[in-house]
Amino acid sequence: MPSGENSISALLKHLALAWLLNKEGIDTVIPGGKRAAQIRESVRAVDVLLNEQDMKQIESILED
């Protein structure tokens, strides 16, 4: 995944972690995994850029 990937091209797992990282009041996100490769893959979520509109759209989906 290229650095600065937008939410449209992000994998769902990266999008979910990026959403958590952007939530006000959440200071730490600790992804789990059985293998080191899974953790390395999860860390790629920091490259997903979510703007205010993205956050609102995700919130709207979760409220339904």
Protein backbone atom coordinates (compact mmCIF):
# COMPACT_ATOMS: atom_id res chain seq x y z
CA MET A 1 0.00 0.00 0.00
CA PRO A 2 1.52 3.34 -0.95
CA SER A 3 2.11 5.90 1.75
CA GLY A 4 -0.81 8.29 2.07
CA GLU A 5 -3.37 5.87 0.66
CA ASN A 6 -6.89 7.26 0.77
CA SER A 7 -9.83 5.43 2.29
CA ILE A 8 -11.28 4.42 -1.09
CA SER A 9 -8.39 2.08 -1.89
CA ALA A 10 -7.74 0.90 1.67
CA LEU A 11 -8.41 -2.66 2.77
CA LEU A 12 -11.29 -2.97 5.23
CA LYS A 13 -8.96 -4.06 8.05
CA HIS A 14 -6.77 -1.01 7.47
CA LEU A 15 -9.81 1.25 7.25
CA ALA A 16 -11.14 -0.06 10.58
CA LEU A 17 -7.82 0.52 12.33
CA ALA A 18 -7.42 3.95 10.72
CA TRP A 19 -10.91 4.89 11.93
CA LEU A 20 -9.97 3.90 15.47
CA LEU A 21 -6.72 5.85 15.25
CA ASN A 22 -8.69 8.95 14.19
CA LYS A 23 -11.42 8.67 16.85
CA GLU A 24 -11.32 11.38 19.47
CA GLY A 25 -10.77 9.89 22.90
CA ILE A 26 -8.97 6.78 21.65
CA ASP A 27 -5.30 7.17 22.43
CA THR A 28 -3.98 3.69 21.67
CA VAL A 29 -4.91 0.91 19.26
CA ILE A 30 -3.29 -2.47 19.85
CA PRO A 31 -3.88 -4.84 16.93
CA GLY A 32 -3.38 -8.53 17.59
CA GLY A 33 -2.22 -11.40 15.46
CA LYS A 34 -0.84 -14.91 15.65
CA ARG A 35 2.17 -14.14 13.47
CA ALA A 36 4.53 -11.19 13.20
CA ALA A 37 3.51 -10.74 9.57
CA GLN A 38 -0.07 -10.08 10.67
CA ILE A 39 1.08 -7.34 13.02
CA ARG A 40 3.30 -5.80 10.33
CA GLU A 41 0.32 -5.79 7.97
CA SER A 42 -1.92 -4.12 10.56
CA VAL A 43 0.61 -1.35 11.11
CA ARG A 44 0.05 -0.29 7.50
CA ALA A 45 -3.22 1.29 8.68
CA VAL A 46 -1.25 4.37 9.70
CA ASP A 47 -0.84 5.11 5.97
CA VAL A 48 -4.61 5.41 5.45
CA LEU A 49 -5.67 9.04 5.37
CA LEU A 50 -9.19 9.72 6.65
CA ASN A 51 -10.65 13.18 6.32
CA GLU A 52 -13.62 14.57 8.24
CA GLN A 53 -16.05 13.44 5.54
CA ASP A 54 -14.67 9.89 5.67
CA MET A 55 -15.07 9.81 9.44
CA LYS A 56 -18.68 11.06 9.20
CA GLN A 57 -19.51 8.48 6.55
CA ILE A 58 -18.10 5.65 8.67
CA GLU A 59 -19.97 6.92 11.74
CA SER A 60 -23.19 7.02 9.69
CA ILE A 61 -22.72 3.42 8.57
CA LEU A 62 -22.04 2.26 12.12
CA GLU A 63 -25.13 4.02 13.49
CA ASP A 64 -27.48 2.10 11.16
